Structures are given as C-alpha cells and as structure tokens.
Amino acid sequence: MEARSAAISRSGGRNFPGRSAGGVIAGRPIREFEQERELRAFLAAPRATPLLTTAKVWLSLEPAAHPSWRPLVSAAIAGRAIVLVGSQP
C-alpha cells in the first residue's frame, strides 16, 4: 500500500505519538495499519471507529469494504487528498 492509514480509536490499538499529526485526533489515540490485510479486515465490518486515509487508498479499498463505510469529510492537506470515512455499527 502506498500510504499509511490510521483509525481514530477510543482505546486499544497501537499509538504512534510523533509519527502522525500529534498522535491524537479529537482526544483519541491513533492506530496505524502497517499491512493492507489489517486494513481490509478492519473495513470488512461496520465499526464505530472512523478511518483517516488518503483518497487514493480509500478508492482502492472501497469496493471490498462493508457497504456501510462512507466518506464523512475530505480535505487537501500538504497537497494530498485526505478522507475520513466512517460506518454505522
């Protein structure tokens, strides 16, 4: 996978404080997926935890994701298209 993706979780997961934008978003730790299979497994079911990734990665994974996953917001950050996707568990 070209870019890393991060889930914004309430608890658990691995924190990478310094390797992402502050290590925390909205008071929640960030869990990075280092392997595509981990990310595919995460997207296979609805979850309360949103996913922050590049638009390019999301478009490649969207066809295999559970149908409840939808883009919530997108923005250009440092010249890259970033998307926050979420689902209803």
PDB file of N, CA and C in Angstrom:
ATOM      1  N   MET A   1       0.845  -1.147   0.000  1.00  0.00           N
ATOM      2  CA  MET A   1       0.000   0.000   0.000  1.00  0.00           C
ATOM      3  C   MET A   1       0.904   1.227   0.000  1.00  0.00           C
ATOM      4  N   GLU A   2       0.573   2.199  -0.785  1.00  0.00           N
ATOM      5  CA  GLU A   2       1.424   3.375  -0.935  1.00  0.00           C
ATOM      6  C   GLU A   2       1.442   4.268   0.297  1.00  0.00           C
ATOM      7  N   ALA A   3       0.312   4.457   0.931  1.00  0.00           N
ATOM      8  CA  ALA A   3       0.239   5.358   2.075  1.00  0.00           C
ATOM      9  C   ALA A   3      -0.304   4.627   3.288  1.00  0.00           C
ATOM     10  N   ARG A   4       0.065   5.096   4.459  1.00  0.00           N
ATOM     11  CA  ARG A   4      -0.464   4.512   5.696  1.00  0.00           C
ATOM     12  C   ARG A   4      -1.867   5.044   5.938  1.00  0.00           C
ATOM     13  N   SER A   5      -2.652   4.264   6.647  1.00  0.00           N
ATOM     14  CA  SER A   5      -3.987   4.675   7.049  1.00  0.00           C
ATOM     15  C   SER A   5      -4.068   4.567   8.557  1.00  0.00           C
ATOM     16  N   ALA A   6      -4.893   5.375   9.161  1.00  0.00           N
ATOM     17  CA  ALA A   6      -4.993   5.377  10.617  1.00  0.00           C
ATOM     18  C   ALA A   6      -6.442   5.353  11.043  1.00  0.00           C
ATOM     19  N   ALA A   7      -6.729   4.537  12.037  1.00  0.00           N
ATOM     20  CA  ALA A   7      -8.055   4.529  12.641  1.00  0.00           C
ATOM     21  C   ALA A   7      -8.003   5.390  13.893  1.00  0.00           C
ATOM     22  N   ILE A   8      -9.011   6.177  14.095  1.00  0.00           N
ATOM     23  CA  ILE A   8      -9.087   7.017  15.280  1.00  0.00           C
ATOM     24  C   ILE A   8      -9.909   6.233  16.287  1.00  0.00           C
ATOM     25  N   SER A   9      -9.239   5.661  17.272  1.00  0.00           N
ATOM     26  CA  SER A   9      -9.934   4.765  18.186  1.00  0.00           C
ATOM     27  C   SER A   9     -10.092   5.371  19.569  1.00  0.00           C
ATOM     28  N   ARG A  10     -11.067   4.867  20.300  1.00  0.00           N
ATOM     29  CA  ARG A  10     -11.297   5.339  21.660  1.00  0.00           C
ATOM     30  C   ARG A  10     -10.303   4.713  22.621  1.00  0.00           C
ATOM     31  N   SER A  11      -9.926   3.474  22.354  1.00  0.00           N
ATOM     32  CA  SER A  11      -8.970   2.789  23.220  1.00  0.00           C
ATOM     33  C   SER A  11      -8.350   1.651  22.429  1.00  0.00           C
ATOM     34  N   GLY A  12      -7.331   1.053  23.006  1.00  0.00           N
ATOM     35  CA  GLY A  12      -6.682  -0.072  22.340  1.00  0.00           C
ATOM     36  C   GLY A  12      -5.896   0.395  21.133  1.00  0.00           C
ATOM     37  N   GLY A  13      -5.455  -0.552  20.354  1.00  0.00           N
ATOM     38  CA  GLY A  13      -4.658  -0.211  19.187  1.00  0.00           C
ATOM     39  C   GLY A  13      -3.281   0.252  19.586  1.00  0.00           C
ATOM     40  N   ARG A  14      -2.472   0.507  18.610  1.00  0.00           N
ATOM     41  CA  ARG A  14      -1.120   0.961  18.857  1.00  0.00           C
ATOM     42  C   ARG A  14      -1.050   2.456  18.634  1.00  0.00           C
ATOM     43  N   ASN A  15      -0.443   3.135  19.546  1.00  0.00           N
ATOM     44  CA  ASN A  15      -0.266   4.580  19.401  1.00  0.00           C
ATOM     45  C   ASN A  15       1.095   4.864  18.797  1.00  0.00           C
ATOM     46  N   PHE A  16       1.143   5.840  17.947  1.00  0.00           N
ATOM     47  CA  PHE A  16       2.381   6.269  17.340  1.00  0.00           C
ATOM     48  C   PHE A  16       2.508   7.764  17.572  1.00  0.00           C
ATOM     49  N   PRO A  17       2.759   8.211  18.823  1.00  0.00           N
ATOM     50  CA  PRO A  17       2.767   9.648  19.095  1.00  0.00           C
ATOM     51  C   PRO A  17       3.802  10.395  18.325  1.00  0.00           C
ATOM     52  N   GLY A  18       4.136  10.993  17.637  1.00  0.00           N
ATOM     53  CA  GLY A  18       5.193  11.545  16.851  1.00  0.00           C
ATOM     54  C   GLY A  18       5.226  11.129  15.410  1.00  0.00           C
ATOM     55  N   ARG A  19       4.502  10.080  15.058  1.00  0.00           N
ATOM     56  CA  ARG A  19       4.533   9.609  13.672  1.00  0.00           C
ATOM     57  C   ARG A  19       3.310  10.052  12.892  1.00  0.00           C
ATOM     58  N   SER A  20       2.395  10.714  13.532  1.00  0.00           N
ATOM     59  CA  SER A  20       1.227  11.238  12.840  1.00  0.00           C
ATOM     60  C   SER A  20       0.940  12.612  13.426  1.00  0.00           C
ATOM     61  N   ALA A  21      -0.101  13.255  12.971  1.00  0.00           N
ATOM     62  CA  ALA A  21      -0.371  14.629  13.390  1.00  0.00           C
ATOM     63  C   ALA A  21      -0.640  14.695  14.883  1.00  0.00           C
ATOM     64  N   GLY A  22       0.404  14.737  15.663  1.00  0.00           N
ATOM     65  CA  GLY A  22       0.266  14.853  17.099  1.00  0.00           C
ATOM     66  C   GLY A  22      -0.006  13.539  17.805  1.00  0.00           C
ATOM     67  N   GLY A  23      -0.306  12.483  17.103  1.00  0.00           N
ATOM     68  CA  GLY A  23      -0.573  11.196  17.723  1.00  0.00           C
ATOM     69  C   GLY A  23      -1.970  11.067  18.279  1.00  0.00           C
ATOM     70  N   VAL A  24      -2.711  12.165  18.295  1.00  0.00           N
ATOM     71  CA  VAL A  24      -4.071  12.149  18.827  1.00  0.00           C
ATOM     72  C   VAL A  24      -4.928  13.065  17.957  1.00  0.00           C
ATOM     73  N   ILE A  25      -6.126  12.608  17.646  1.00  0.00           N
ATOM     74  CA  ILE A  25      -7.088  13.443  16.924  1.00  0.00           C
ATOM     75  C   ILE A  25      -8.363  13.433  17.750  1.00  0.00           C
ATOM     76  N   ALA A  26      -8.889  14.595  18.040  1.00  0.00           N
ATOM     77  CA  ALA A  26     -10.121  14.740  18.820  1.00  0.00           C
ATOM     78  C   ALA A  26     -10.036  13.982  20.136  1.00  0.00           C
ATOM     79  N   GLY A  27      -8.859  13.988  20.756  1.00  0.00           N
ATOM     80  CA  GLY A  27      -8.694  13.342  22.046  1.00  0.00           C
ATOM     81  C   GLY A  27      -8.622  11.835  21.998  1.00  0.00           C
ATOM     82  N   ARG A  28      -8.513  11.274  20.813  1.00  0.00           N
ATOM     83  CA  ARG A  28      -8.467   9.823  20.656  1.00  0.00           C
ATOM     84  C   ARG A  28      -7.123   9.403  20.083  1.00  0.00           C
ATOM     85  N   PRO A  29      -6.554   8.305  20.597  1.00  0.00           N
ATOM     86  CA  PRO A  29      -5.278   7.836  20.053  1.00  0.00           C
ATOM     87  C   PRO A  29      -5.441   7.343  18.615  1.00  0.00           C
ATOM     88  N   ILE A  30      -4.351   7.337  17.894  1.00  0.00           N
ATOM     89  CA  ILE A  30      -4.367   6.895  16.505  1.00  0.00           C
ATOM     90  C   ILE A  30      -3.716   5.523  16.402  1.00  0.00           C
ATOM     91  N   ARG A  31      -4.360   4.632  15.719  1.00  0.00           N
ATOM     92  CA  ARG A  31      -3.806   3.303  15.440  1.00  0.00           C
ATOM     93  C   ARG A  31      -3.477   3.239  13.956  1.00  0.00           C
ATOM     94  N   GLU A  32      -2.225   2.974  13.628  1.00  0.00           N
ATOM     95  CA  GLU A  32      -1.837   2.858  12.233  1.00  0.00           C
ATOM     96  C   GLU A  32      -1.905   1.407  11.792  1.00  0.00           C
ATOM     97  N   PHE A  33      -2.311   1.202  10.556  1.00  0.00           N
ATOM     98  CA  PHE A  33      -2.296  -0.116   9.939  1.00  0.00           C
ATOM     99  C   PHE A  33      -1.047  -0.192   9.074  1.00  0.00           C
ATOM    100  N   GLU A  34      -0.189  -1.124   9.379  1.00  0.00           N
ATOM    101  CA  GLU A  34       1.052  -1.241   8.632  1.00  0.00           C
ATOM    102  C   GLU A  34       0.936  -2.217   7.475  1.00  0.00           C
ATOM    103  N   GLN A  35      -0.075  -3.067   7.506  1.00  0.00           N
ATOM    104  CA  GLN A  35      -0.247  -4.040   6.434  1.00  0.00           C
ATOM    105  C   GLN A  35      -1.651  -3.909   5.861  1.00  0.00           C
ATOM    106  N   GLU A  36      -1.747  -4.048   4.555  1.00  0.00           N
ATOM    107  CA  GLU A  36      -3.020  -3.905   3.883  1.00  0.00           C
ATOM    108  C   GLU A  36      -4.047  -4.918   4.388  1.00  0.00           C
ATOM    109  N   ARG A  37      -3.616  -6.123   4.726  1.00  0.00           N
ATOM    110  CA  ARG A  37      -4.575  -7.137   5.191  1.00  0.00           C
ATOM    111  C   ARG A  37      -5.240  -6.714   6.503  1.00  0.00           C
ATOM    112  N   GLU A  38      -4.498  -6.006   7.382  1.00  0.00           N
ATOM    113  CA  GLU A  38      -5.085  -5.496   8.625  1.00  0.00           C
ATOM    114  C   GLU A  38      -6.178  -4.471   8.315  1.00  0.00           C
ATOM    115  N   LEU A  39      -5.899  -3.615   7.370  1.00  0.00           N
ATOM    116  CA  LEU A  39      -6.846  -2.577   6.988  1.00  0.00           C
ATOM    117  C   LEU A  39      -8.078  -3.191   6.326  1.00  0.00           C
ATOM    118  N   ARG A  40      -7.878  -4.169   5.457  1.00  0.00           N
ATOM    119  CA  ARG A  40      -9.015  -4.839   4.810  1.00  0.00           C
ATOM    120  C   ARG A  40      -9.898  -5.527   5.848  1.00  0.00           C
ATOM    121  N   ALA A  41      -9.285  -6.164   6.847  1.00  0.00           N
ATOM    122  CA  ALA A  41     -10.054  -6.824   7.902  1.00  0.00           C
ATOM    123  C   ALA A  41     -10.844  -5.787   8.713  1.00  0.00           C
ATOM    124  N   PHE A  42     -10.241  -4.644   8.983  1.00  0.00           N
ATOM    125  CA  PHE A  42     -10.908  -3.567   9.712  1.00  0.00           C
ATOM    126  C   PHE A  42     -12.146  -3.086   8.949  1.00  0.00           C
ATOM    127  N   LEU A  43     -12.028  -2.944   7.637  1.00  0.00           N
ATOM    128  CA  LEU A  43     -13.115  -2.425   6.802  1.00  0.00           C
ATOM    129  C   LEU A  43     -14.162  -3.476   6.439  1.00  0.00           C
ATOM    130  N   ALA A  44     -13.937  -4.727   6.810  1.00  0.00           N
ATOM    131  CA  ALA A  44     -14.858  -5.809   6.436  1.00  0.00           C
ATOM    132  C   ALA A  44     -16.172  -5.761   7.205  1.00  0.00           C
ATOM    133  N   ALA A  45     -16.213  -5.008   8.289  1.00  0.00           N
ATOM    134  CA  ALA A  45     -17.424  -4.929   9.121  1.00  0.00           C
ATOM    135  C   ALA A  45     -17.660  -3.476   9.533  1.00  0.00           C
ATOM    136  N   PRO A  46     -18.893  -3.130   9.869  1.00  0.00           N
ATOM    137  CA  PRO A  46     -19.159  -1.783  10.383  1.00  0.00           C
ATOM    138  C   PRO A  46     -18.453  -1.584  11.723  1.00  0.00           C
ATOM    139  N   ARG A  47     -17.987  -0.381  11.985  1.00  0.00           N
ATOM    140  CA  ARG A  47     -17.297  -0.071  13.245  1.00  0.00           C
ATOM    141  C   ARG A  47     -17.635   1.352  13.667  1.00  0.00           C
ATOM    142  N   ALA A  48     -17.541   1.591  14.959  1.00  0.00           N
ATOM    143  CA  ALA A  48     -17.755   2.943  15.483  1.00  0.00           C
ATOM    144  C   ALA A  48     -16.523   3.814  15.277  1.00  0.00           C
ATOM    145  N   THR A  49     -15.389   3.210  15.007  1.00  0.00           N
ATOM    146  CA  THR A  49     -14.125   3.920  14.841  1.00  0.00           C
ATOM    147  C   THR A  49     -13.970   4.387  13.396  1.00  0.00           C
ATOM    148  N   PRO A  50     -13.817   5.692  13.153  1.00  0.00           N
ATOM    149  CA  PRO A  50     -13.607   6.168  11.785  1.00  0.00           C
ATOM    150  C   PRO A  50     -12.187   5.883  11.299  1.00  0.00           C
ATOM    151  N   LEU A  51     -11.996   6.003  10.002  1.00  0.00           N
ATOM    152  CA  LEU A  51     -10.704   5.741   9.375  1.00  0.00           C
ATOM    153  C   LEU A  51     -10.250   6.985   8.629  1.00  0.00           C
ATOM    154  N   LEU A  52      -8.999   7.385   8.847  1.00  0.00           N
ATOM    155  CA  LEU A  52      -8.393   8.518   8.154  1.00  0.00           C
ATOM    156  C   LEU A  52      -7.361   7.962   7.190  1.00  0.00           C
ATOM    157  N   THR A  53      -7.494   8.278   5.904  1.00  0.00           N
ATOM    158  CA  THR A  53      -6.584   7.737   4.904  1.00  0.00           C
ATOM    159  C   THR A  53      -6.511   8.683   3.712  1.00  0.00           C
ATOM    160  N   THR A  54      -5.698   8.344   2.744  1.00  0.00           N
ATOM    161  CA  THR A  54      -5.669   9.140   1.521  1.00  0.00           C
ATOM    162  C   THR A  54      -6.836   8.720   0.643  1.00  0.00           C
ATOM    163  N   ALA A  55      -7.278   9.633  -0.202  1.00  0.00           N
ATOM    164  CA  ALA A  55      -8.376   9.322  -1.122  1.00  0.00           C
ATOM    165  C   ALA A  55      -7.976   8.175  -2.043  1.00  0.00           C
ATOM    166  N   LYS A  56      -6.724   8.140  -2.450  1.00  0.00           N
ATOM    167  CA  LYS A  56      -6.243   7.085  -3.353  1.00  0.00           C
ATOM    168  C   LYS A  56      -6.374   5.704  -2.696  1.00  0.00           C
ATOM    169  N   VAL A  57      -5.969   5.595  -1.433  1.00  0.00           N
ATOM    170  CA  VAL A  57      -6.076   4.319  -0.724  1.00  0.00           C
ATOM    171  C   VAL A  57      -7.543   3.950  -0.537  1.00  0.00           C
ATOM    172  N   TRP A  58      -8.375   4.920  -0.126  1.00  0.00           N
ATOM    173  CA  TRP A  58      -9.789   4.630   0.080  1.00  0.00           C
ATOM    174  C   TRP A  58     -10.440   4.122  -1.207  1.00  0.00           C
ATOM    175  N   LEU A  59     -10.164   4.764  -2.321  1.00  0.00           N
ATOM    176  CA  LEU A  59     -10.760   4.325  -3.585  1.00  0.00           C
ATOM    177  C   LEU A  59     -10.343   2.909  -3.954  1.00  0.00           C
ATOM    178  N   SER A  60      -9.138   2.514  -3.585  1.00  0.00           N
ATOM    179  CA  SER A  60      -8.691   1.146  -3.889  1.00  0.00           C
ATOM    180  C   SER A  60      -9.325   0.117  -2.961  1.00  0.00           C
ATOM    181  N   LEU A  61      -9.691   0.518  -1.738  1.00  0.00           N
ATOM    182  CA  LEU A  61     -10.257  -0.407  -0.755  1.00  0.00           C
ATOM    183  C   LEU A  61     -11.781  -0.391  -0.698  1.00  0.00           C
ATOM    184  N   GLU A  62     -12.389   0.673  -1.160  1.00  0.00           N
ATOM    185  CA  GLU A  62     -13.838   0.833  -1.048  1.00  0.00           C
ATOM    186  C   GLU A  62     -14.641  -0.333  -1.631  1.00  0.00           C
ATOM    187  N   PRO A  63     -14.281  -0.874  -2.796  1.00  0.00           N
ATOM    188  CA  PRO A  63     -15.086  -1.973  -3.340  1.00  0.00           C
ATOM    189  C   PRO A  63     -15.155  -3.205  -2.429  1.00  0.00           C
ATOM    190  N   ALA A  64     -14.136  -3.451  -1.639  1.00  0.00           N
ATOM    191  CA  ALA A  64     -14.111  -4.621  -0.751  1.00  0.00           C
ATOM    192  C   ALA A  64     -14.605  -4.300   0.661  1.00  0.00           C
ATOM    193  N   ALA A  65     -14.818  -3.029   0.961  1.00  0.00           N
ATOM    194  CA  ALA A  65     -15.256  -2.628   2.307  1.00  0.00           C
ATOM    195  C   ALA A  65     -16.731  -2.972   2.510  1.00  0.00           C
ATOM    196  N   HIS A  66     -17.109  -3.139   3.777  1.00  0.00           N
ATOM    197  CA  HIS A  66     -18.521  -3.352   4.111  1.00  0.00           C
ATOM    198  C   HIS A  66     -19.317  -2.173   3.543  1.00  0.00           C
ATOM    199  N   PRO A  67     -20.516  -2.416   3.017  1.00  0.00           N
ATOM    200  CA  PRO A  67     -21.291  -1.342   2.372  1.00  0.00           C
ATOM    201  C   PRO A  67     -21.646  -0.162   3.282  1.00  0.00           C
ATOM    202  N   SER A  68     -21.530  -0.322   4.591  1.00  0.00           N
ATOM    203  CA  SER A  68     -21.867   0.787   5.496  1.00  0.00           C
ATOM    204  C   SER A  68     -20.790   1.868   5.534  1.00  0.00           C
ATOM    205  N   TRP A  69     -19.578   1.594   5.059  1.00  0.00           N
ATOM    206  CA  TRP A  69     -18.497   2.580   5.079  1.00  0.00           C
ATOM    207  C   TRP A  69     -18.749   3.653   4.034  1.00  0.00           C
ATOM    208  N   ARG A  70     -18.680   4.928   4.459  1.00  0.00           N
ATOM    209  CA  ARG A  70     -18.912   6.070   3.582  1.00  0.00           C
ATOM    210  C   ARG A  70     -17.946   7.202   3.925  1.00  0.00           C
ATOM    211  N   PRO A  71     -17.550   7.993   2.935  1.00  0.00           N
ATOM    212  CA  PRO A  71     -16.746   9.184   3.242  1.00  0.00           C
ATOM    213  C   PRO A  71     -17.556  10.164   4.090  1.00  0.00           C
ATOM    214  N   LEU A  72     -16.930  10.701   5.139  1.00  0.00           N
ATOM    215  CA  LEU A  72     -17.576  11.676   6.010  1.00  0.00           C
ATOM    216  C   LEU A  72     -17.134  13.087   5.673  1.00  0.00           C
ATOM    217  N   VAL A  73     -15.842  13.238   5.407  1.00  0.00           N
ATOM    218  CA  VAL A  73     -15.282  14.549   5.074  1.00  0.00           C
ATOM    219  C   VAL A  73     -13.962  14.329   4.335  1.00  0.00           C
ATOM    220  N   SER A  74     -13.616  15.267   3.469  1.00  0.00           N
ATOM    221  CA  SER A  74     -12.330  15.177   2.779  1.00  0.00           C
ATOM    222  C   SER A  74     -11.697  16.560   2.739  1.00  0.00           C
ATOM    223  N   ALA A  75     -10.382  16.577   2.605  1.00  0.00           N
ATOM    224  CA  ALA A  75      -9.646  17.840   2.565  1.00  0.00           C
ATOM    225  C   ALA A  75      -8.299  17.605   1.903  1.00  0.00           C
ATOM    226  N   ALA A  76      -7.724  18.665   1.392  1.00  0.00           N
ATOM    227  CA  ALA A  76      -6.359  18.611   0.870  1.00  0.00           C
ATOM    228  C   ALA A  76      -5.429  19.058   1.989  1.00  0.00           C
ATOM    229  N   ILE A  77      -4.482  18.200   2.324  1.00  0.00           N
ATOM    230  CA  ILE A  77      -3.508  18.503   3.367  1.00  0.00           C
ATOM    231  C   ILE A  77      -2.125  18.279   2.789  1.00  0.00           C
ATOM    232  N   ALA A  78      -1.317  19.312   2.792  1.00  0.00           N
ATOM    233  CA  ALA A  78       0.039  19.251   2.243  1.00  0.00           C
ATOM    234  C   ALA A  78       0.026  18.684   0.826  1.00  0.00           C
ATOM    235  N   GLY A  79      -0.971  19.087   0.051  1.00  0.00           N
ATOM    236  CA  GLY A  79      -1.045  18.665  -1.339  1.00  0.00           C
ATOM    237  C   GLY A  79      -1.585  17.260  -1.557  1.00  0.00           C
ATOM    238  N   ARG A  80      -2.039  16.606  -0.498  1.00  0.00           N
ATOM    239  CA  ARG A  80      -2.587  15.252  -0.629  1.00  0.00           C
ATOM    240  C   ARG A  80      -4.066  15.263  -0.293  1.00  0.00           C
ATOM    241  N   ALA A  81      -4.847  14.499  -1.047  1.00  0.00           N
ATOM    242  CA  ALA A  81      -6.280  14.375  -0.776  1.00  0.00           C
ATOM    243  C   ALA A  81      -6.464  13.370   0.359  1.00  0.00           C
ATOM    244  N   ILE A  82      -7.021  13.839   1.473  1.00  0.00           N
ATOM    245  CA  ILE A  82      -7.230  13.012   2.669  1.00  0.00           C
ATOM    246  C   ILE A  82      -8.729  12.856   2.866  1.00  0.00           C
ATOM    247  N   VAL A  83      -9.152  11.680   3.315  1.00  0.00           N
ATOM    248  CA  VAL A  83     -10.565  11.417   3.545  1.00  0.00           C
ATOM    249  C   VAL A  83     -10.756  10.732   4.894  1.00  0.00           C
ATOM    250  N   LEU A  84     -11.815  11.131   5.604  1.00  0.00           N
ATOM    251  CA  LEU A  84     -12.225  10.469   6.832  1.00  0.00           C
ATOM    252  C   LEU A  84     -13.469   9.680   6.471  1.00  0.00           C
ATOM    253  N   VAL A  85     -13.412   8.352   6.652  1.00  0.00           N
ATOM    254  CA  VAL A  85     -14.545   7.505   6.344  1.00  0.00           C
ATOM    255  C   VAL A  85     -15.073   6.882   7.628  1.00  0.00           C
ATOM    256  N   GLY A  86     -16.353   6.600   7.644  1.00  0.00           N
ATOM    257  CA  GLY A  86     -16.968   6.023   8.815  1.00  0.00           C
ATOM    258  C   GLY A  86     -18.100   5.084   8.437  1.00  0.00           C
ATOM    259  N   SER A  87     -18.571   4.342   9.414  1.00  0.00           N
ATOM    260  CA  SER A  87     -19.682   3.415   9.197  1.00  0.00           C
ATOM    261  C   SER A  87     -20.578   3.417  10.423  1.00  0.00           C
ATOM    262  N   GLN A  88     -21.726   2.819  10.297  1.00  0.00           N
ATOM    263  CA  GLN A  88     -22.649   2.677  11.412  1.00  0.00           C
ATOM    264  C   GLN A  88     -22.636   1.221  11.854  1.00  0.00           C
ATOM    265  N   PRO A  89     -22.158   0.945  13.078  1.00  0.00           N
ATOM    266  CA  PRO A  89     -22.126  -0.450  13.542  1.00  0.00           C
ATOM    267  C   PRO A  89     -23.521  -0.984  13.834  1.00  0.00           C
TER     268      PRO A  89
END
